[in-house]
Amino acid sequence: MTMPDGHWPRRQPRSHRCMATTEPSLHGKDKTAANQAAAELIGKTIAERSLAKKLERVVFDRGGFFYHGKVKALAEAARAGGLKF
């Protein structure tokens, strides 16, 4: 299928995984604090869940935030968990 201008249609990006420290499965772990330890836990959990759904390659959107601190901790934990950015 091609578009009228002769180009292939682009696939729209979709969010497959989302997570927050307030999720019930994380209660009691690191007291749901918004710090680097919690970001690492979220990155690790996202990697586990994504790999369980056979999603190995992902795009990491930092949402305009600088790549340091919690953002960096989450991304590195997801990479260590087996995701490829």
C-alpha atoms as a PDB file:
ATOM      1  CA  MET A   1       0.000   0.000   0.000  1.00  0.00           C
ATOM      2  CA  THR A   2       1.317   3.427  -0.876  1.00  0.00           C
ATOM      3  CA  MET A   3      -0.007   6.884  -0.270  1.00  0.00           C
ATOM      4  CA  PRO A   4      -1.198   9.088  -3.177  1.00  0.00           C
ATOM      5  CA  ASP A   5       2.183  10.858  -3.215  1.00  0.00           C
ATOM      6  CA  GLY A   6       3.938   7.503  -3.807  1.00  0.00           C
ATOM      7  CA  HIS A   7       5.475   7.177  -0.334  1.00  0.00           C
ATOM      8  CA  TRP A   8       5.000   4.325   2.101  1.00  0.00           C
ATOM      9  CA  PRO A   9       2.879   5.186   5.134  1.00  0.00           C
ATOM     10  CA  ARG A  10       4.854   5.603   8.348  1.00  0.00           C
ATOM     11  CA  ARG A  11       4.108   3.457  11.345  1.00  0.00           C
ATOM     12  CA  GLN A  12       2.873   5.505  14.224  1.00  0.00           C
ATOM     13  CA  PRO A  13       4.880   5.077  17.444  1.00  0.00           C
ATOM     14  CA  ARG A  14       2.989   3.484  20.275  1.00  0.00           C
ATOM     15  CA  SER A  15       3.662   3.341  23.999  1.00  0.00           C
ATOM     16  CA  HIS A  16       3.810  -0.248  25.092  1.00  0.00           C
ATOM     17  CA  ARG A  17       5.105   0.089  28.624  1.00  0.00           C
ATOM     18  CA  CYS A  18       4.511   2.655  31.297  1.00  0.00           C
ATOM     19  CA  MET A  19       5.127   2.496  34.996  1.00  0.00           C
ATOM     20  CA  ALA A  20       5.258   4.681  38.102  1.00  0.00           C
ATOM     21  CA  THR A  21       6.522   4.359  41.650  1.00  0.00           C
ATOM     22  CA  THR A  22       2.901   4.392  42.833  1.00  0.00           C
ATOM     23  CA  GLU A  23       2.173   1.064  41.162  1.00  0.00           C
ATOM     24  CA  PRO A  24       0.893  -1.532  43.667  1.00  0.00           C
ATOM     25  CA  SER A  25       3.587  -4.070  42.734  1.00  0.00           C
ATOM     26  CA  LEU A  26       6.243  -1.616  43.955  1.00  0.00           C
ATOM     27  CA  HIS A  27       4.674  -0.737  47.285  1.00  0.00           C
ATOM     28  CA  GLY A  28       7.016  -1.491  50.128  1.00  0.00           C
ATOM     29  CA  LYS A  29      10.071  -1.462  47.862  1.00  0.00           C
ATOM     30  CA  ASP A  30      12.142   1.665  48.493  1.00  0.00           C
ATOM     31  CA  LYS A  31       9.042   3.336  49.962  1.00  0.00           C
ATOM     32  CA  THR A  32       7.952   4.513  46.487  1.00  0.00           C
ATOM     33  CA  ALA A  33      10.337   7.473  46.698  1.00  0.00           C
ATOM     34  CA  ALA A  34      11.116   9.443  43.564  1.00  0.00           C
ATOM     35  CA  ASN A  35      14.889   8.979  43.677  1.00  0.00           C
ATOM     36  CA  GLN A  36      17.597   7.207  41.669  1.00  0.00           C
ATOM     37  CA  ALA A  37      17.074   3.892  43.471  1.00  0.00           C
ATOM     38  CA  ALA A  38      13.385   3.951  42.526  1.00  0.00           C
ATOM     39  CA  ALA A  39      14.285   4.884  38.931  1.00  0.00           C
ATOM     40  CA  GLU A  40      16.623   1.883  38.739  1.00  0.00           C
ATOM     41  CA  LEU A  41      13.877  -0.396  40.066  1.00  0.00           C
ATOM     42  CA  ILE A  42      11.442   0.952  37.462  1.00  0.00           C
ATOM     43  CA  GLY A  43      13.987   0.523  34.642  1.00  0.00           C
ATOM     44  CA  LYS A  44      14.652  -3.060  35.676  1.00  0.00           C
ATOM     45  CA  THR A  45      10.935  -3.863  35.936  1.00  0.00           C
ATOM     46  CA  ILE A  46      10.160  -2.258  32.554  1.00  0.00           C
ATOM     47  CA  ALA A  47      12.923  -4.348  30.974  1.00  0.00           C
ATOM     48  CA  GLU A  48      11.541  -7.551  32.504  1.00  0.00           C
ATOM     49  CA  ARG A  49       7.996  -6.813  31.377  1.00  0.00           C
ATOM     50  CA  SER A  50       9.053  -5.760  27.885  1.00  0.00           C
ATOM     51  CA  LEU A  51      11.175  -8.856  27.367  1.00  0.00           C
ATOM     52  CA  ALA A  52       8.287 -11.007  28.584  1.00  0.00           C
ATOM     53  CA  LYS A  53       6.212  -9.470  25.755  1.00  0.00           C
ATOM     54  CA  LYS A  54       9.109 -10.089  23.309  1.00  0.00           C
ATOM     55  CA  LEU A  55       9.921  -6.400  22.907  1.00  0.00           C
ATOM     56  CA  GLU A  56      13.705  -6.162  22.812  1.00  0.00           C
ATOM     57  CA  ARG A  57      14.329  -2.957  20.865  1.00  0.00           C
ATOM     58  CA  VAL A  58      12.814   0.220  22.253  1.00  0.00           C
ATOM     59  CA  VAL A  59      12.981   3.979  21.844  1.00  0.00           C
ATOM     60  CA  PHE A  60      13.646   5.930  25.020  1.00  0.00           C
ATOM     61  CA  ASP A  61      11.960   9.346  25.103  1.00  0.00           C
ATOM     62  CA  ARG A  62      13.387  11.367  27.957  1.00  0.00           C
ATOM     63  CA  GLY A  63      10.594  13.897  27.586  1.00  0.00           C
ATOM     64  CA  GLY A  64      12.835  16.939  27.325  1.00  0.00           C
ATOM     65  CA  PHE A  65      14.681  16.168  30.555  1.00  0.00           C
ATOM     66  CA  PHE A  66      18.472  16.146  30.643  1.00  0.00           C
ATOM     67  CA  TYR A  67      20.105  12.730  30.532  1.00  0.00           C
ATOM     68  CA  HIS A  68      21.400  12.599  34.105  1.00  0.00           C
ATOM     69  CA  GLY A  69      20.189  11.649  37.557  1.00  0.00           C
ATOM     70  CA  LYS A  70      16.937   9.680  37.627  1.00  0.00           C
ATOM     71  CA  VAL A  71      16.524   9.658  33.850  1.00  0.00           C
ATOM     72  CA  LYS A  72      19.996   8.201  33.386  1.00  0.00           C
ATOM     73  CA  ALA A  73      19.481   5.665  36.195  1.00  0.00           C
ATOM     74  CA  LEU A  74      16.235   4.424  34.623  1.00  0.00           C
ATOM     75  CA  ALA A  75      17.761   4.116  31.145  1.00  0.00           C
ATOM     76  CA  GLU A  76      20.896   2.328  32.337  1.00  0.00           C
ATOM     77  CA  ALA A  77      18.869  -0.119  34.444  1.00  0.00           C
ATOM     78  CA  ALA A  78      16.663  -0.904  31.440  1.00  0.00           C
ATOM     79  CA  ARG A  79      19.765  -1.478  29.295  1.00  0.00           C
ATOM     80  CA  ALA A  80      21.260  -3.715  31.981  1.00  0.00           C
ATOM     81  CA  GLY A  81      17.961  -5.611  32.021  1.00  0.00           C
ATOM     82  CA  GLY A  82      18.408  -6.498  28.346  1.00  0.00           C
ATOM     83  CA  LEU A  83      16.622  -3.774  26.385  1.00  0.00           C
ATOM     84  CA  LYS A  84      18.309  -2.282  23.331  1.00  0.00           C
ATOM     85  CA  PHE A  85      17.754   1.418  22.698  1.00  0.00           C
END
